[in-house]
Amino acid sequence: MPTAPDPAVLYPDVAAHGSLAVALRSEGTGCLETIPVTSSDSAPLLHATIGSTVPHRGRLEISAWRHERRWSVRGTESFQDMPLVDGRTDDLAEVARAARAWHDGAALEDIRRTAPFIHLTGRFEVPDHDPVRLTESEWQGMRQEADELEYPWQKTYQALIEAAYAQPALRALYPFTSHWVLRFSTTTRPRLTVVGPCLTANSDGTYGVGRGIIDADLGRFATAHEAVALAVRHLPAGLDPIALGG
């Protein structure tokens, strides 16, 4: 791994302002001039955050790359800290415009129209933290993620996600992954209550069902539908409705 250059070399304009926060406030025709933007104490040229006027949004985190001149953003919802938007660009003024729209509570689609580098994760905002809607949002984000993956096993993994989503008993549960293993919970983040078996999409195109994330001790199958059907049969009876975790 090559040594990263001094941030002041990659970002002399930011260094001239003393911090990424101050540089952002000077960009985008001053659209952030009166908005609180905070820089990291340990790396003021590389990191900054901006809050939002709507309580169901968390911070928009802005980070400068260390080996080339580019910025990444990540904006989360406030209850679970899950990303609603992300993106990367080499245009700091575009970052400033996205940050202002995030701060002002613009709709997610409007943020993307304001700053086309913004990528919507598929999750939608749930201001009242309704657990059913949070579960629907997480499924939507997971399905979009599976569709957008750029790995050789993308099709196999996407087939697993779609097969699980097609089963009402699993769709009613909160989905999450650990090392790309599909798992389920009867509560939302931030505190999950794990239930049922683990489902894996393997590099050879097969699907595994197991009591843990390593071994497919309950079976290995040629199709996602077979694996998912077995997972449904191993769900405990009488599960409670989905609830908030935390």
Foldseek 3Di string as FASTA:
>chain_A
DDDFDDLCVQCVVQVVLVALQSSLCVAQVNLCVPFDKAADPVHRHFWIWGQAPAQQWGIWIWGADRHHQKIKIFIATDPFRDTQKIFMDNDSNLVSQLRSCRRHVHAPVVSCVSRVRIDGLQAHTDSVVDFQNNQVRQLRSVLVCLVPDDDPLSVLLNQLSVLQCVDVVSSQFRWDDDPSKIWTALADPPAGHTWFWIWHQDPVQKIATGNDPPDSVVDIGNGSNVNSVVRVVRTDPPRDGRYYDD
